Amino acid sequence: MAHFAKLNSDNIVERVEVVSNDVATNEQAGINFLNNLYGTNDVWKQTSYNENIRKNFAGIGYTYNQTKDAFIALKPFNSWVLNDDTCKWESPVTYPDDGEQYKWNEDTTSWDAV
């Protein structure tokens, strides 16, 4: 199955639709199908669960960055920075690798044990 994200005029994802691979033989065929189905001329971009198209699977509220040709999630915390290669947000401190669970503390910009 192929997945397509509908973008608004600000390149924000409004919805994600699934189209059969038999119909979406390429990206444009999927776009044409969706616009014919809804009787619109919306902007759609193909996305992928395995992240091999446009870096990240699109979700509602994600932004499509045309320059990077990538979907980018909402920034989770002010201190986090965007990795230009993966287009994923990263904390300024690496998540501990000790098998325990942690949550991000924006006030201290550190990981707190749960």
PDB file of N, CA and C in Angstrom:
ATOM      1  N   MET A   1       0.838  -1.177   0.000  1.00  0.00           N
ATOM      2  CA  MET A   1       0.000   0.000   0.000  1.00  0.00           C
ATOM      3  C   MET A   1       0.886   1.244   0.000  1.00  0.00           C
ATOM      4  N   ALA A   2       0.446   2.247  -0.733  1.00  0.00           N
ATOM      5  CA  ALA A   2       1.157   3.524  -0.798  1.00  0.00           C
ATOM      6  C   ALA A   2       0.441   4.525   0.099  1.00  0.00           C
ATOM      7  N   HIS A   3       1.198   5.401   0.701  1.00  0.00           N
ATOM      8  CA  HIS A   3       0.648   6.406   1.606  1.00  0.00           C
ATOM      9  C   HIS A   3       0.943   7.794   1.061  1.00  0.00           C
ATOM     10  N   PHE A   4      -0.059   8.672   1.193  1.00  0.00           N
ATOM     11  CA  PHE A   4       0.063  10.033   0.675  1.00  0.00           C
ATOM     12  C   PHE A   4      -0.390  11.026   1.732  1.00  0.00           C
ATOM     13  N   ALA A   5       0.385  12.102   1.881  1.00  0.00           N
ATOM     14  CA  ALA A   5       0.064  13.151   2.849  1.00  0.00           C
ATOM     15  C   ALA A   5      -0.501  14.352   2.105  1.00  0.00           C
ATOM     16  N   LYS A   6      -1.655  14.832   2.575  1.00  0.00           N
ATOM     17  CA  LYS A   6      -2.263  16.036   2.016  1.00  0.00           C
ATOM     18  C   LYS A   6      -1.691  17.244   2.753  1.00  0.00           C
ATOM     19  N   LEU A   7      -1.194  18.220   1.985  1.00  0.00           N
ATOM     20  CA  LEU A   7      -0.585  19.403   2.566  1.00  0.00           C
ATOM     21  C   LEU A   7      -1.498  20.612   2.424  1.00  0.00           C
ATOM     22  N   ASN A   8      -1.485  21.475   3.432  1.00  0.00           N
ATOM     23  CA  ASN A   8      -2.203  22.742   3.284  1.00  0.00           C
ATOM     24  C   ASN A   8      -1.266  23.783   2.665  1.00  0.00           C
ATOM     25  N   SER A   9      -1.706  25.019   2.572  1.00  0.00           N
ATOM     26  CA  SER A   9      -0.913  26.056   1.894  1.00  0.00           C
ATOM     27  C   SER A   9       0.379  26.396   2.633  1.00  0.00           C
ATOM     28  N   ASP A  10       0.492  25.987   3.903  1.00  0.00           N
ATOM     29  CA  ASP A  10       1.717  26.209   4.678  1.00  0.00           C
ATOM     30  C   ASP A  10       2.600  24.957   4.726  1.00  0.00           C
ATOM     31  N   ASN A  11       2.292  23.973   3.879  1.00  0.00           N
ATOM     32  CA  ASN A  11       3.023  22.697   3.827  1.00  0.00           C
ATOM     33  C   ASN A  11       2.905  21.886   5.113  1.00  0.00           C
ATOM     34  N   ILE A  12       1.780  22.034   5.802  1.00  0.00           N
ATOM     35  CA  ILE A  12       1.498  21.250   7.002  1.00  0.00           C
ATOM     36  C   ILE A  12       0.604  20.079   6.602  1.00  0.00           C
ATOM     37  N   VAL A  13       0.927  18.898   7.094  1.00  0.00           N
ATOM     38  CA  VAL A  13       0.149  17.700   6.775  1.00  0.00           C
ATOM     39  C   VAL A  13      -1.204  17.769   7.478  1.00  0.00           C
ATOM     40  N   GLU A  14      -2.267  17.651   6.669  1.00  0.00           N
ATOM     41  CA  GLU A  14      -3.639  17.668   7.195  1.00  0.00           C
ATOM     42  C   GLU A  14      -4.230  16.273   7.342  1.00  0.00           C
ATOM     43  N   ARG A  15      -3.792  15.356   6.521  1.00  0.00           N
ATOM     44  CA  ARG A  15      -4.295  13.981   6.579  1.00  0.00           C
ATOM     45  C   ARG A  15      -3.342  13.089   5.814  1.00  0.00           C
ATOM     46  N   VAL A  16      -3.437  11.790   6.081  1.00  0.00           N
ATOM     47  CA  VAL A  16      -2.640  10.793   5.362  1.00  0.00           C
ATOM     48  C   VAL A  16      -3.611   9.734   4.856  1.00  0.00           C
ATOM     49  N   GLU A  17      -3.508   9.426   3.581  1.00  0.00           N
ATOM     50  CA  GLU A  17      -4.401   8.459   2.932  1.00  0.00           C
ATOM     51  C   GLU A  17      -3.598   7.272   2.399  1.00  0.00           C
ATOM     52  N   VAL A  18      -4.262   6.142   2.328  1.00  0.00           N
ATOM     53  CA  VAL A  18      -3.664   4.919   1.786  1.00  0.00           C
ATOM     54  C   VAL A  18      -4.275   4.655   0.420  1.00  0.00           C
ATOM     55  N   VAL A  19      -3.415   4.328  -0.542  1.00  0.00           N
ATOM     56  CA  VAL A  19      -3.853   4.020  -1.905  1.00  0.00           C
ATOM     57  C   VAL A  19      -3.207   2.693  -2.309  1.00  0.00           C
ATOM     58  N   SER A  20      -3.978   1.843  -2.944  1.00  0.00           N
ATOM     59  CA  SER A  20      -3.469   0.554  -3.400  1.00  0.00           C
ATOM     60  C   SER A  20      -2.289   0.746  -4.350  1.00  0.00           C
ATOM     61  N   ASN A  21      -1.310  -0.138  -4.243  1.00  0.00           N
ATOM     62  CA  ASN A  21      -0.163  -0.096  -5.160  1.00  0.00           C
ATOM     63  C   ASN A  21      -0.586  -0.339  -6.606  1.00  0.00           C
ATOM     64  N   ASP A  22      -1.704  -1.024  -6.797  1.00  0.00           N
ATOM     65  CA  ASP A  22      -2.210  -1.246  -8.151  1.00  0.00           C
ATOM     66  C   ASP A  22      -2.644   0.072  -8.786  1.00  0.00           C
ATOM     67  N   VAL A  23      -3.077   1.013  -7.959  1.00  0.00           N
ATOM     68  CA  VAL A  23      -3.510   2.330  -8.438  1.00  0.00           C
ATOM     69  C   VAL A  23      -2.342   3.304  -8.442  1.00  0.00           C
ATOM     70  N   ALA A  24      -1.612   3.326  -7.337  1.00  0.00           N
ATOM     71  CA  ALA A  24      -0.480   4.251  -7.198  1.00  0.00           C
ATOM     72  C   ALA A  24       0.777   3.593  -7.745  1.00  0.00           C
ATOM     73  N   THR A  25       0.808   3.416  -9.046  1.00  0.00           N
ATOM     74  CA  THR A  25       1.972   2.794  -9.678  1.00  0.00           C
ATOM     75  C   THR A  25       3.180   3.721  -9.643  1.00  0.00           C
ATOM     76  N   ASN A  26       2.939   4.998  -9.440  1.00  0.00           N
ATOM     77  CA  ASN A  26       3.981   5.987  -9.183  1.00  0.00           C
ATOM     78  C   ASN A  26       3.328   7.119  -8.375  1.00  0.00           C
ATOM     79  N   GLU A  27       4.125   8.068  -7.940  1.00  0.00           N
ATOM     80  CA  GLU A  27       3.581   9.121  -7.081  1.00  0.00           C
ATOM     81  C   GLU A  27       2.484   9.920  -7.774  1.00  0.00           C
ATOM     82  N   GLN A  28       2.700  10.297  -9.011  1.00  0.00           N
ATOM     83  CA  GLN A  28       1.712  11.118  -9.707  1.00  0.00           C
ATOM     84  C   GLN A  28       0.396  10.372  -9.899  1.00  0.00           C
ATOM     85  N   ALA A  29       0.469   9.073 -10.152  1.00  0.00           N
ATOM     86  CA  ALA A  29      -0.760   8.288 -10.301  1.00  0.00           C
ATOM     87  C   ALA A  29      -1.551   8.282  -8.994  1.00  0.00           C
ATOM     88  N   GLY A  30      -0.878   8.188  -7.876  1.00  0.00           N
ATOM     89  CA  GLY A  30      -1.548   8.242  -6.585  1.00  0.00           C
ATOM     90  C   GLY A  30      -2.169   9.597  -6.319  1.00  0.00           C
ATOM     91  N   ILE A  31      -1.453  10.653  -6.654  1.00  0.00           N
ATOM     92  CA  ILE A  31      -1.970  12.018  -6.494  1.00  0.00           C
ATOM     93  C   ILE A  31      -3.204  12.218  -7.362  1.00  0.00           C
ATOM     94  N   ASN A  32      -3.113  11.798  -8.614  1.00  0.00           N
ATOM     95  CA  ASN A  32      -4.247  11.939  -9.521  1.00  0.00           C
ATOM     96  C   ASN A  32      -5.468  11.175  -9.000  1.00  0.00           C
ATOM     97  N   PHE A  33      -5.246   9.965  -8.496  1.00  0.00           N
ATOM     98  CA  PHE A  33      -6.341   9.172  -7.954  1.00  0.00           C
ATOM     99  C   PHE A  33      -7.033   9.904  -6.808  1.00  0.00           C
ATOM    100  N   LEU A  34      -6.247  10.423  -5.860  1.00  0.00           N
ATOM    101  CA  LEU A  34      -6.822  11.100  -4.699  1.00  0.00           C
ATOM    102  C   LEU A  34      -7.569  12.376  -5.089  1.00  0.00           C
ATOM    103  N   ASN A  35      -6.999  13.153  -5.981  1.00  0.00           N
ATOM    104  CA  ASN A  35      -7.685  14.375  -6.413  1.00  0.00           C
ATOM    105  C   ASN A  35      -8.954  14.060  -7.198  1.00  0.00           C
ATOM    106  N   ASN A  36      -8.939  12.996  -7.995  1.00  0.00           N
ATOM    107  CA  ASN A  36     -10.160  12.573  -8.690  1.00  0.00           C
ATOM    108  C   ASN A  36     -11.188  12.045  -7.706  1.00  0.00           C
ATOM    109  N   LEU A  37     -10.742  11.283  -6.724  1.00  0.00           N
ATOM    110  CA  LEU A  37     -11.640  10.728  -5.724  1.00  0.00           C
ATOM    111  C   LEU A  37     -12.371  11.825  -4.952  1.00  0.00           C
ATOM    112  N   TYR A  38     -11.642  12.851  -4.555  1.00  0.00           N
ATOM    113  CA  TYR A  38     -12.229  13.932  -3.751  1.00  0.00           C
ATOM    114  C   TYR A  38     -12.701  15.129  -4.575  1.00  0.00           C
ATOM    115  N   GLY A  39     -12.467  15.101  -5.886  1.00  0.00           N
ATOM    116  CA  GLY A  39     -12.874  16.216  -6.741  1.00  0.00           C
ATOM    117  C   GLY A  39     -12.135  17.499  -6.401  1.00  0.00           C
ATOM    118  N   THR A  40     -10.854  17.365  -6.086  1.00  0.00           N
ATOM    119  CA  THR A  40     -10.043  18.516  -5.675  1.00  0.00           C
ATOM    120  C   THR A  40      -8.787  18.616  -6.520  1.00  0.00           C
ATOM    121  N   ASN A  41      -8.010  19.620  -6.221  1.00  0.00           N
ATOM    122  CA  ASN A  41      -6.690  19.788  -6.829  1.00  0.00           C
ATOM    123  C   ASN A  41      -5.691  20.036  -5.700  1.00  0.00           C
ATOM    124  N   ASP A  42      -5.754  19.173  -4.671  1.00  0.00           N
ATOM    125  CA  ASP A  42      -4.918  19.337  -3.486  1.00  0.00           C
ATOM    126  C   ASP A  42      -3.475  18.954  -3.754  1.00  0.00           C
ATOM    127  N   VAL A  43      -2.610  19.388  -2.859  1.00  0.00           N
ATOM    128  CA  VAL A  43      -1.194  19.026  -2.923  1.00  0.00           C
ATOM    129  C   VAL A  43      -0.988  17.796  -2.046  1.00  0.00           C
ATOM    130  N   TRP A  44      -0.507  16.740  -2.656  1.00  0.00           N
ATOM    131  CA  TRP A  44      -0.223  15.479  -1.970  1.00  0.00           C
ATOM    132  C   TRP A  44       1.239  15.129  -2.174  1.00  0.00           C
ATOM    133  N   LYS A  45       1.858  14.533  -1.169  1.00  0.00           N
ATOM    134  CA  LYS A  45       3.226  14.022  -1.269  1.00  0.00           C
ATOM    135  C   LYS A  45       3.216  12.595  -0.751  1.00  0.00           C
ATOM    136  N   GLN A  46       3.906  11.723  -1.454  1.00  0.00           N
ATOM    137  CA  GLN A  46       3.975  10.337  -1.012  1.00  0.00           C
ATOM    138  C   GLN A  46       4.880  10.242   0.215  1.00  0.00           C
ATOM    139  N   THR A  47       4.535   9.344   1.110  1.00  0.00           N
ATOM    140  CA  THR A  47       5.307   9.110   2.324  1.00  0.00           C
ATOM    141  C   THR A  47       5.427   7.603   2.514  1.00  0.00           C
ATOM    142  N   SER A  48       6.261   7.175   3.445  1.00  0.00           N
ATOM    143  CA  SER A  48       6.524   5.746   3.586  1.00  0.00           C
ATOM    144  C   SER A  48       6.734   5.366   5.045  1.00  0.00           C
ATOM    145  N   TYR A  49       6.077   4.268   5.464  1.00  0.00           N
ATOM    146  CA  TYR A  49       6.245   3.766   6.830  1.00  0.00           C
ATOM    147  C   TYR A  49       7.697   3.406   7.120  1.00  0.00           C
ATOM    148  N   ASN A  50       8.396   2.865   6.121  1.00  0.00           N
ATOM    149  CA  ASN A  50       9.780   2.462   6.370  1.00  0.00           C
ATOM    150  C   ASN A  50      10.767   3.601   6.136  1.00  0.00           C
ATOM    151  N   GLU A  51      10.252   4.806   5.972  1.00  0.00           N
ATOM    152  CA  GLU A  51      11.039   6.042   5.897  1.00  0.00           C
ATOM    153  C   GLU A  51      12.023   6.075   4.723  1.00  0.00           C
ATOM    154  N   ASN A  52      11.736   5.341   3.649  1.00  0.00           N
ATOM    155  CA  ASN A  52      12.617   5.405   2.491  1.00  0.00           C
ATOM    156  C   ASN A  52      12.167   6.461   1.480  1.00  0.00           C
ATOM    157  N   ILE A  53      11.065   7.141   1.787  1.00  0.00           N
ATOM    158  CA  ILE A  53      10.603   8.269   0.974  1.00  0.00           C
ATOM    159  C   ILE A  53      10.445   9.463   1.901  1.00  0.00           C
ATOM    160  N   ARG A  54      11.150  10.521   1.623  1.00  0.00           N
ATOM    161  CA  ARG A  54      11.032  11.790   2.360  1.00  0.00           C
ATOM    162  C   ARG A  54      11.376  11.660   3.839  1.00  0.00           C
ATOM    163  N   LYS A  55      12.356  10.839   4.129  1.00  0.00           N
ATOM    164  CA  LYS A  55      13.014  10.699   5.432  1.00  0.00           C
ATOM    165  C   LYS A  55      12.158  10.170   6.574  1.00  0.00           C
ATOM    166  N   ASN A  56      10.923  10.674   6.740  1.00  0.00           N
ATOM    167  CA  ASN A  56      10.072  10.280   7.865  1.00  0.00           C
ATOM    168  C   ASN A  56       8.654  10.046   7.372  1.00  0.00           C
ATOM    169  N   PHE A  57       7.959   9.124   8.026  1.00  0.00           N
ATOM    170  CA  PHE A  57       6.562   8.917   7.691  1.00  0.00           C
ATOM    171  C   PHE A  57       5.784  10.145   8.136  1.00  0.00           C
ATOM    172  N   ALA A  58       4.986  10.697   7.254  1.00  0.00           N
ATOM    173  CA  ALA A  58       4.230  11.911   7.558  1.00  0.00           C
ATOM    174  C   ALA A  58       3.133  11.631   8.569  1.00  0.00           C
ATOM    175  N   GLY A  59       2.960  12.561   9.471  1.00  0.00           N
ATOM    176  CA  GLY A  59       1.871  12.504  10.431  1.00  0.00           C
ATOM    177  C   GLY A  59       1.124  13.825  10.411  1.00  0.00           C
ATOM    178  N   ILE A  60      -0.097  13.822  10.877  1.00  0.00           N
ATOM    179  CA  ILE A  60      -0.872  15.065  10.920  1.00  0.00           C
ATOM    180  C   ILE A  60      -0.107  16.078  11.767  1.00  0.00           C
ATOM    181  N   GLY A  61       0.048  17.276  11.232  1.00  0.00           N
ATOM    182  CA  GLY A  61       0.780  18.333  11.910  1.00  0.00           C
ATOM    183  C   GLY A  61       2.243  18.422  11.521  1.00  0.00           C
ATOM    184  N   TYR A  62       2.767  17.398  10.844  1.00  0.00           N
ATOM    185  CA  TYR A  62       4.148  17.468  10.380  1.00  0.00           C
ATOM    186  C   TYR A  62       4.254  18.546   9.299  1.00  0.00           C
ATOM    187  N   THR A  63       5.461  19.046   9.102  1.00  0.00           N
ATOM    188  CA  THR A  63       5.735  20.009   8.051  1.00  0.00           C
ATOM    189  C   THR A  63       6.493  19.312   6.930  1.00  0.00           C
ATOM    190  N   TYR A  64       6.113  19.617   5.694  1.00  0.00           N
ATOM    191  CA  TYR A  64       6.888  19.148   4.555  1.00  0.00           C
ATOM    192  C   TYR A  64       7.887  20.237   4.213  1.00  0.00           C
ATOM    193  N   ASN A  65       9.178  19.913   4.282  1.00  0.00           N
ATOM    194  CA  ASN A  65      10.241  20.843   3.939  1.00  0.00           C
ATOM    195  C   ASN A  65      10.669  20.553   2.509  1.00  0.00           C
ATOM    196  N   GLN A  66      10.350  21.476   1.619  1.00  0.00           N
ATOM    197  CA  GLN A  66      10.612  21.268   0.198  1.00  0.00           C
ATOM    198  C   GLN A  66      12.105  21.212  -0.103  1.00  0.00           C
ATOM    199  N   THR A  67      12.894  22.040   0.563  1.00  0.00           N
ATOM    200  CA  THR A  67      14.340  22.067   0.326  1.00  0.00           C
ATOM    201  C   THR A  67      14.975  20.727   0.691  1.00  0.00           C
ATOM    202  N   LYS A  68      14.568  20.167   1.809  1.00  0.00           N
ATOM    203  CA  LYS A  68      15.108  18.884   2.259  1.00  0.00           C
ATOM    204  C   LYS A  68      14.344  17.694   1.683  1.00  0.00           C
ATOM    205  N   ASP A  69      13.213  17.966   1.028  1.00  0.00           N
ATOM    206  CA  ASP A  69      12.304  16.935   0.526  1.00  0.00           C
ATOM    207  C   ASP A  69      12.032  15.913   1.635  1.00  0.00           C
ATOM    208  N   ALA A  70      11.572  16.459   2.787  1.00  0.00           N
ATOM    209  CA  ALA A  70      11.382  15.615   3.965  1.00  0.00           C
ATOM    210  C   ALA A  70      10.196  16.088   4.789  1.00  0.00           C
ATOM    211  N   PHE A  71       9.588  15.122   5.492  1.00  0.00           N
ATOM    212  CA  PHE A  71       8.566  15.442   6.480  1.00  0.00           C
ATOM    213  C   PHE A  71       9.251  15.580   7.835  1.00  0.00           C
ATOM    214  N   ILE A  72       8.886  16.639   8.559  1.00  0.00           N
ATOM    215  CA  ILE A  72       9.515  16.916   9.842  1.00  0.00           C
ATOM    216  C   ILE A  72       8.429  17.058  10.905  1.00  0.00           C
ATOM    217  N   ALA A  73       8.598  16.317  11.990  1.00  0.00           N
ATOM    218  CA  ALA A  73       7.648  16.354  13.104  1.00  0.00           C
ATOM    219  C   ALA A  73       7.727  17.711  13.803  1.00  0.00           C
ATOM    220  N   LEU A  74       6.711  17.970  14.633  1.00  0.00           N
ATOM    221  CA  LEU A  74       6.752  19.168  15.466  1.00  0.00           C
ATOM    222  C   LEU A  74       7.938  19.069  16.414  1.00  0.00           C
ATOM    223  N   LYS A  75       8.567  20.190  16.676  1.00  0.00           N
ATOM    224  CA  LYS A  75       9.703  20.217  17.590  1.00  0.00           C
ATOM    225  C   LYS A  75       9.198  19.891  18.997  1.00  0.00           C
ATOM    226  N   PRO A  76       9.726  18.821  19.617  1.00  0.00           N
ATOM    227  CA  PRO A  76       9.189  18.400  20.905  1.00  0.00           C
ATOM    228  C   PRO A  76       9.575  19.303  22.078  1.00  0.00           C
ATOM    229  N   PHE A  77      10.760  19.890  22.021  1.00  0.00           N
ATOM    230  CA  PHE A  77      11.253  20.753  23.087  1.00  0.00           C
ATOM    231  C   PHE A  77      12.106  21.859  22.474  1.00  0.00           C
ATOM    232  N   ASN A  78      12.128  23.021  23.101  1.00  0.00           N
ATOM    233  CA  ASN A  78      12.891  24.152  22.576  1.00  0.00           C
ATOM    234  C   ASN A  78      14.378  23.870  22.453  1.00  0.00           C
ATOM    235  N   SER A  79      14.920  23.039  23.336  1.00  0.00           N
ATOM    236  CA  SER A  79      16.366  22.785  23.332  1.00  0.00           C
ATOM    237  C   SER A  79      16.803  21.777  22.271  1.00  0.00           C
ATOM    238  N   TRP A  80      15.878  21.060  21.700  1.00  0.00           N
ATOM    239  CA  TRP A  80      16.240  20.026  20.735  1.00  0.00           C
ATOM    240  C   TRP A  80      16.595  20.651  19.386  1.00  0.00           C
ATOM    241  N   VAL A  81      17.468  19.968  18.651  1.00  0.00           N
ATOM    242  CA  VAL A  81      17.931  20.472  17.358  1.00  0.00           C
ATOM    243  C   VAL A  81      17.609  19.454  16.264  1.00  0.00           C
ATOM    244  N   LEU A  82      17.419  19.976  15.072  1.00  0.00           N
ATOM    245  CA  LEU A  82      17.086  19.119  13.939  1.00  0.00           C
ATOM    246  C   LEU A  82      18.352  18.533  13.336  1.00  0.00           C
ATOM    247  N   ASN A  83      18.378  17.221  13.195  1.00  0.00           N
ATOM    248  CA  ASN A  83      19.470  16.544  12.505  1.00  0.00           C
ATOM    249  C   ASN A  83      19.211  16.721  11.007  1.00  0.00           C
ATOM    250  N   ASP A  84      20.100  17.416  10.318  1.00  0.00           N
ATOM    251  CA  ASP A  84      19.897  17.713   8.896  1.00  0.00           C
ATOM    252  C   ASP A  84      19.912  16.473   8.016  1.00  0.00           C
ATOM    253  N   ASP A  85      20.573  15.408   8.457  1.00  0.00           N
ATOM    254  CA  ASP A  85      20.629  14.188   7.655  1.00  0.00           C
ATOM    255  C   ASP A  85      19.357  13.354   7.781  1.00  0.00           C
ATOM    256  N   THR A  86      18.853  13.200   9.005  1.00  0.00           N
ATOM    257  CA  THR A  86      17.684  12.355   9.235  1.00  0.00           C
ATOM    258  C   THR A  86      16.383  13.145   9.284  1.00  0.00           C
ATOM    259  N   CYS A  87      16.490  14.467   9.477  1.00  0.00           N
ATOM    260  CA  CYS A  87      15.327  15.340   9.664  1.00  0.00           C
ATOM    261  C   CYS A  87      14.498  14.908  10.870  1.00  0.00           C
ATOM    262  N   LYS A  88      15.186  14.424  11.894  1.00  0.00           N
ATOM    263  CA  LYS A  88      14.570  14.081  13.176  1.00  0.00           C
ATOM    264  C   LYS A  88      15.135  15.020  14.241  1.00  0.00           C
ATOM    265  N   TRP A  89      14.297  15.311  15.242  1.00  0.00           N
ATOM    266  CA  TRP A  89      14.728  16.154  16.356  1.00  0.00           C
ATOM    267  C   TRP A  89      15.566  15.333  17.313  1.00  0.00           C
ATOM    268  N   GLU A  90      16.656  15.938  17.813  1.00  0.00           N
ATOM    269  CA  GLU A  90      17.541  15.249  18.739  1.00  0.00           C
ATOM    270  C   GLU A  90      17.765  16.110  19.975  1.00  0.00           C
ATOM    271  N   SER A  91      17.839  15.427  21.102  1.00  0.00           N
ATOM    272  CA  SER A  91      18.104  16.133  22.353  1.00  0.00           C
ATOM    273  C   SER A  91      19.570  16.573  22.381  1.00  0.00           C
ATOM    274  N   PRO A  92      19.861  17.635  23.132  1.00  0.00           N
ATOM    275  CA  PRO A  92      21.249  18.083  23.225  1.00  0.00           C
ATOM    276  C   PRO A  92      22.114  17.153  24.085  1.00  0.00           C
ATOM    277  N   VAL A  93      21.462  16.210  24.781  1.00  0.00           N
ATOM    278  CA  VAL A  93      22.152  15.228  25.607  1.00  0.00           C
ATOM    279  C   VAL A  93      21.709  13.846  25.147  1.00  0.00           C
ATOM    280  N   THR A  94      22.652  12.980  24.898  1.00  0.00           N
ATOM    281  CA  THR A  94      22.346  11.635  24.420  1.00  0.00           C
ATOM    282  C   THR A  94      21.537  10.850  25.450  1.00  0.00           C
ATOM    283  N   TYR A  95      20.541  10.124  24.952  1.00  0.00           N
ATOM    284  CA  TYR A  95      19.716   9.266  25.819  1.00  0.00           C
ATOM    285  C   TYR A  95      20.609   8.217  26.472  1.00  0.00           C
ATOM    286  N   PRO A  96      20.498   8.022  27.789  1.00  0.00           N
ATOM    287  CA  PRO A  96      21.340   7.030  28.472  1.00  0.00           C
ATOM    288  C   PRO A  96      21.140   5.629  27.905  1.00  0.00           C
ATOM    289  N   ASP A  97      22.225   4.893  27.823  1.00  0.00           N
ATOM    290  CA  ASP A  97      22.208   3.539  27.260  1.00  0.00           C
ATOM    291  C   ASP A  97      22.480   2.523  28.365  1.00  0.00           C
ATOM    292  N   ASP A  98      21.626   2.529  29.396  1.00  0.00           N
ATOM    293  CA  ASP A  98      21.838   1.631  30.523  1.00  0.00           C
ATOM    294  C   ASP A  98      20.669   0.688  30.751  1.00  0.00           C
ATOM    295  N   GLY A  99      19.725   0.656  29.792  1.00  0.00           N
ATOM    296  CA  GLY A  99      18.582  -0.237  29.902  1.00  0.00           C
ATOM    297  C   GLY A  99      17.435   0.308  30.737  1.00  0.00           C
ATOM    298  N   GLU A 100      17.619   1.432  31.371  1.00  0.00           N
ATOM    299  CA  GLU A 100      16.569   2.058  32.174  1.00  0.00           C
ATOM    300  C   GLU A 100      15.719   2.966  31.287  1.00  0.00           C
ATOM    301  N   GLN A 101      14.571   3.433  31.824  1.00  0.00           N
ATOM    302  CA  GLN A 101      13.717   4.342  31.069  1.00  0.00           C
ATOM    303  C   GLN A 101      13.871   5.755  31.617  1.00  0.00           C
ATOM    304  N   TYR A 102      13.822   6.719  30.692  1.00  0.00           N
ATOM    305  CA  TYR A 102      14.000   8.113  31.055  1.00  0.00           C
ATOM    306  C   TYR A 102      12.988   8.984  30.328  1.00  0.00           C
ATOM    307  N   LYS A 103      12.750  10.158  30.888  1.00  0.00           N
ATOM    308  CA  LYS A 103      11.951  11.163  30.188  1.00  0.00           C
ATOM    309  C   LYS A 103      12.762  12.455  30.167  1.00  0.00           C
ATOM    310  N   TRP A 104      12.528  13.246  29.135  1.00  0.00           N
ATOM    311  CA  TRP A 104      13.271  14.484  28.962  1.00  0.00           C
ATOM    312  C   TRP A 104      12.774  15.545  29.934  1.00  0.00           C
ATOM    313  N   ASN A 105      13.717  16.244  30.578  1.00  0.00           N
ATOM    314  CA  ASN A 105      13.403  17.352  31.473  1.00  0.00           C
ATOM    315  C   ASN A 105      13.923  18.623  30.808  1.00  0.00           C
ATOM    316  N   GLU A 106      13.018  19.402  30.253  1.00  0.00           N
ATOM    317  CA  GLU A 106      13.419  20.618  29.532  1.00  0.00           C
ATOM    318  C   GLU A 106      14.009  21.670  30.466  1.00  0.00           C
ATOM    319  N   ASP A 107      13.549  21.696  31.725  1.00  0.00           N
ATOM    320  CA  ASP A 107      14.067  22.695  32.672  1.00  0.00           C
ATOM    321  C   ASP A 107      15.546  22.513  32.959  1.00  0.00           C
ATOM    322  N   THR A 108      15.973  21.253  33.035  1.00  0.00           N
ATOM    323  CA  THR A 108      17.381  20.973  33.331  1.00  0.00           C
ATOM    324  C   THR A 108      18.146  20.501  32.095  1.00  0.00           C
ATOM    325  N   THR A 109      17.451  20.397  30.986  1.00  0.00           N
ATOM    326  CA  THR A 109      17.992  19.847  29.733  1.00  0.00           C
ATOM    327  C   THR A 109      18.789  18.561  30.017  1.00  0.00           C
ATOM    328  N   SER A 110      18.088  17.634  30.653  1.00  0.00           N
ATOM    329  CA  SER A 110      18.707  16.344  30.963  1.00  0.00           C
ATOM    330  C   SER A 110      17.622  15.271  30.971  1.00  0.00           C
ATOM    331  N   TRP A 111      18.062  14.017  31.002  1.00  0.00           N
ATOM    332  CA  TRP A 111      17.156  12.874  31.067  1.00  0.00           C
ATOM    333  C   TRP A 111      16.943  12.492  32.529  1.00  0.00           C
ATOM    334  N   ASP A 112      15.693  12.387  32.955  1.00  0.00           N
ATOM    335  CA  ASP A 112      15.350  11.981  34.309  1.00  0.00           C
ATOM    336  C   ASP A 112      14.851  10.541  34.286  1.00  0.00           C
ATOM    337  N   ALA A 113      15.313   9.752  35.244  1.00  0.00           N
ATOM    338  CA  ALA A 113      14.852   8.363  35.357  1.00  0.00           C
ATOM    339  C   ALA A 113      13.355   8.358  35.655  1.00  0.00           C
ATOM    340  N   VAL A 114      12.672   7.384  35.054  1.00  0.00           N
ATOM    341  CA  VAL A 114      11.215   7.253  35.259  1.00  0.00           C
ATOM    342  C   VAL A 114      10.971   6.265  36.378  1.00  0.00           C
TER     343      VAL A 114
END
